[in-house]
N, C-alpha and C. Protein backbone atom coordinates (compact mmCIF):
# COMPACT_ATOMS: atom_id res chain seq x y z
N MET A 1 2.63 39.35 18.76
CA MET A 1 2.54 38.26 17.84
C MET A 1 1.61 37.18 18.36
N VAL A 2 1.70 36.92 19.63
CA VAL A 2 0.86 35.89 20.23
C VAL A 2 -0.60 36.31 20.12
N ALA A 3 -0.89 37.57 20.45
CA ALA A 3 -2.26 38.06 20.40
C ALA A 3 -2.81 38.04 18.98
N ALA A 4 -2.00 38.47 18.01
CA ALA A 4 -2.45 38.48 16.62
C ALA A 4 -2.70 37.06 16.12
N SER A 5 -1.82 36.14 16.45
CA SER A 5 -2.01 34.75 16.05
C SER A 5 -3.24 34.15 16.72
N GLY A 6 -3.39 34.43 17.99
CA GLY A 6 -4.55 33.92 18.72
C GLY A 6 -5.85 34.46 18.16
N LEU A 7 -5.89 35.75 17.86
CA LEU A 7 -7.09 36.36 17.28
C LEU A 7 -7.39 35.75 15.92
N SER A 8 -6.37 35.55 15.12
CA SER A 8 -6.55 34.94 13.81
C SER A 8 -7.10 33.53 13.94
N LEU A 9 -6.60 32.78 14.89
CA LEU A 9 -7.09 31.41 15.09
C LEU A 9 -8.53 31.41 15.57
N VAL A 10 -8.88 32.34 16.44
CA VAL A 10 -10.25 32.41 16.95
C VAL A 10 -11.22 32.83 15.84
N LYS A 11 -10.81 33.82 15.03
CA LYS A 11 -11.68 34.31 13.96
C LYS A 11 -11.96 33.24 12.91
N THR A 12 -10.95 32.47 12.57
CA THR A 12 -11.13 31.47 11.51
C THR A 12 -11.66 30.15 12.06
N SER A 13 -11.75 30.04 13.36
CA SER A 13 -12.28 28.83 14.02
C SER A 13 -11.58 27.56 13.55
N ILE A 14 -10.30 27.62 13.45
CA ILE A 14 -9.53 26.45 13.02
C ILE A 14 -9.28 25.57 14.23
N SER A 15 -9.62 24.31 14.08
CA SER A 15 -9.29 23.37 15.16
C SER A 15 -7.92 22.78 14.85
N MET A 16 -7.05 22.86 15.82
CA MET A 16 -5.68 22.39 15.63
C MET A 16 -5.44 21.16 16.49
N ASN A 17 -4.70 20.22 15.92
CA ASN A 17 -4.34 19.06 16.73
C ASN A 17 -3.10 19.39 17.56
N THR A 18 -2.70 18.47 18.40
CA THR A 18 -1.60 18.71 19.34
C THR A 18 -0.29 19.01 18.62
N MET A 19 -0.02 18.29 17.54
CA MET A 19 1.24 18.51 16.81
C MET A 19 1.29 19.91 16.19
N GLN A 20 0.18 20.39 15.70
CA GLN A 20 0.15 21.73 15.11
C GLN A 20 0.35 22.81 16.17
N VAL A 21 -0.22 22.61 17.35
CA VAL A 21 -0.03 23.57 18.44
C VAL A 21 1.42 23.58 18.88
N ILE A 22 2.03 22.40 18.99
CA ILE A 22 3.44 22.31 19.37
C ILE A 22 4.31 22.99 18.33
N ALA A 23 4.03 22.75 17.04
CA ALA A 23 4.80 23.38 15.97
C ALA A 23 4.66 24.90 16.02
N LEU A 24 3.45 25.39 16.29
CA LEU A 24 3.22 26.83 16.39
C LEU A 24 4.00 27.44 17.55
N VAL A 25 3.99 26.77 18.69
CA VAL A 25 4.70 27.28 19.87
C VAL A 25 6.20 27.26 19.64
N ILE A 26 6.72 26.17 19.08
CA ILE A 26 8.17 26.08 18.81
C ILE A 26 8.57 27.16 17.80
N GLY A 27 7.77 27.34 16.76
CA GLY A 27 8.07 28.37 15.76
C GLY A 27 8.09 29.75 16.36
N PHE A 28 7.14 30.03 17.24
CA PHE A 28 7.10 31.34 17.89
C PHE A 28 8.33 31.56 18.76
N VAL A 29 8.68 30.57 19.58
CA VAL A 29 9.82 30.71 20.49
C VAL A 29 11.12 30.87 19.71
N VAL A 30 11.32 30.05 18.67
CA VAL A 30 12.55 30.14 17.88
C VAL A 30 12.63 31.48 17.17
N SER A 31 11.53 31.95 16.57
CA SER A 31 11.58 33.24 15.88
C SER A 31 11.83 34.39 16.85
N PHE A 32 11.29 34.30 18.06
CA PHE A 32 11.52 35.32 19.08
C PHE A 32 13.00 35.37 19.47
N LEU A 33 13.59 34.21 19.70
CA LEU A 33 15.00 34.16 20.11
C LEU A 33 15.93 34.63 18.99
N VAL A 34 15.63 34.24 17.77
CA VAL A 34 16.45 34.69 16.63
C VAL A 34 16.33 36.20 16.46
N ALA A 35 15.12 36.74 16.61
CA ALA A 35 14.93 38.18 16.49
C ALA A 35 15.73 38.93 17.56
N LEU A 36 15.73 38.42 18.79
CA LEU A 36 16.53 39.05 19.84
C LEU A 36 18.01 39.07 19.48
N LEU A 37 18.51 37.96 18.99
CA LEU A 37 19.92 37.86 18.61
C LEU A 37 20.25 38.81 17.46
N VAL A 38 19.40 38.84 16.44
CA VAL A 38 19.66 39.68 15.27
C VAL A 38 19.61 41.15 15.64
N VAL A 39 18.64 41.56 16.43
CA VAL A 39 18.54 42.96 16.83
C VAL A 39 19.76 43.37 17.65
N ASP A 40 20.19 42.50 18.56
CA ASP A 40 21.39 42.79 19.36
C ASP A 40 22.62 42.95 18.48
N LYS A 41 22.80 42.04 17.53
CA LYS A 41 23.95 42.12 16.62
C LYS A 41 23.88 43.39 15.76
N PHE A 42 22.68 43.73 15.29
CA PHE A 42 22.53 44.92 14.45
C PHE A 42 22.82 46.19 15.22
N ILE A 43 22.37 46.28 16.46
CA ILE A 43 22.66 47.45 17.30
C ILE A 43 24.16 47.57 17.53
N ASN A 44 24.82 46.46 17.81
CA ASN A 44 26.28 46.48 17.99
C ASN A 44 26.98 46.92 16.72
N PHE A 45 26.50 46.46 15.56
CA PHE A 45 27.08 46.86 14.28
C PHE A 45 26.92 48.37 14.07
N LEU A 46 25.74 48.91 14.39
CA LEU A 46 25.51 50.34 14.20
C LEU A 46 26.35 51.18 15.16
N LYS A 47 26.68 50.64 16.32
CA LYS A 47 27.56 51.37 17.24
C LYS A 47 28.97 51.47 16.67
N ARG A 48 29.41 50.44 15.98
CA ARG A 48 30.76 50.43 15.39
C ARG A 48 30.81 51.20 14.07
N LYS A 49 29.79 51.04 13.25
CA LYS A 49 29.78 51.65 11.91
C LYS A 49 28.48 52.43 11.72
N PRO A 50 28.48 53.70 12.03
CA PRO A 50 27.26 54.50 11.82
C PRO A 50 26.89 54.54 10.33
N MET A 51 25.67 54.80 10.08
CA MET A 51 25.17 54.76 8.70
C MET A 51 25.05 56.17 8.11
N ARG A 52 26.06 56.99 8.32
CA ARG A 52 26.03 58.36 7.81
C ARG A 52 25.94 58.40 6.29
N VAL A 53 26.74 57.56 5.63
CA VAL A 53 26.74 57.55 4.17
C VAL A 53 25.36 57.17 3.64
N PHE A 54 24.75 56.17 4.24
CA PHE A 54 23.41 55.75 3.82
C PHE A 54 22.40 56.87 4.05
N ALA A 55 22.50 57.56 5.17
CA ALA A 55 21.58 58.65 5.47
C ALA A 55 21.73 59.79 4.45
N ILE A 56 22.96 60.16 4.14
CA ILE A 56 23.20 61.22 3.16
C ILE A 56 22.67 60.81 1.80
N TYR A 57 22.91 59.57 1.41
CA TYR A 57 22.42 59.05 0.14
C TYR A 57 20.90 59.14 0.07
N ARG A 58 20.21 58.75 1.15
CA ARG A 58 18.74 58.78 1.16
C ARG A 58 18.21 60.22 1.10
N ILE A 59 18.86 61.14 1.78
CA ILE A 59 18.44 62.54 1.74
C ILE A 59 18.62 63.11 0.34
N LEU A 60 19.75 62.81 -0.30
CA LEU A 60 19.99 63.31 -1.66
C LEU A 60 18.98 62.73 -2.65
N ILE A 61 18.71 61.45 -2.58
CA ILE A 61 17.74 60.83 -3.48
C ILE A 61 16.35 61.45 -3.25
N GLY A 62 15.98 61.66 -2.00
CA GLY A 62 14.69 62.29 -1.70
C GLY A 62 14.60 63.69 -2.27
N ALA A 63 15.68 64.46 -2.13
CA ALA A 63 15.70 65.82 -2.67
C ALA A 63 15.58 65.81 -4.19
N ILE A 64 16.28 64.90 -4.84
CA ILE A 64 16.21 64.80 -6.30
C ILE A 64 14.80 64.43 -6.75
N ILE A 65 14.17 63.50 -6.06
CA ILE A 65 12.81 63.10 -6.42
C ILE A 65 11.83 64.26 -6.22
N LEU A 66 11.99 65.01 -5.13
CA LEU A 66 11.12 66.17 -4.92
C LEU A 66 11.32 67.22 -6.01
N ILE A 67 12.55 67.50 -6.38
CA ILE A 67 12.83 68.47 -7.45
C ILE A 67 12.21 68.02 -8.76
N LEU A 68 12.39 66.75 -9.09
CA LEU A 68 11.82 66.22 -10.34
C LEU A 68 10.29 66.28 -10.30
N ALA A 69 9.69 66.03 -9.17
CA ALA A 69 8.24 66.07 -9.06
C ALA A 69 7.70 67.49 -9.17
N PHE A 70 8.38 68.45 -8.53
CA PHE A 70 7.91 69.84 -8.57
C PHE A 70 8.14 70.48 -9.95
N THR A 71 9.13 70.01 -10.69
CA THR A 71 9.37 70.56 -12.03
C THR A 71 8.61 69.77 -13.09
N LYS A 72 7.80 68.84 -12.66
CA LYS A 72 6.95 68.01 -13.55
C LYS A 72 7.76 67.15 -14.51
N LEU A 73 9.01 66.90 -14.20
CA LEU A 73 9.81 65.99 -15.02
C LEU A 73 9.50 64.53 -14.68
N MET A 74 8.98 64.34 -13.47
CA MET A 74 8.59 63.00 -13.04
C MET A 74 7.14 63.07 -12.58
N PRO A 75 6.24 62.40 -13.31
CA PRO A 75 4.83 62.46 -12.90
C PRO A 75 4.60 61.72 -11.58
N MET A 76 3.70 62.26 -10.77
CA MET A 76 3.41 61.61 -9.50
C MET A 76 2.16 60.79 -9.60
């Protein structure tokens, strides 16, 4: 994220004042910390409640879509 943001700033040649740089740094740090927390909570949730039902549902929907596409009932 840092590299992509830096490259974008260099390409567009935007001059930023001190407050904008501070806001960008704070935003990056906060979003990084929140992402770490959310990923950790989501992994813990998946350990307790596997997503078997969701996986079966997705496989069935995919199979139905393939059948409809091969029988030309659903145009691709």
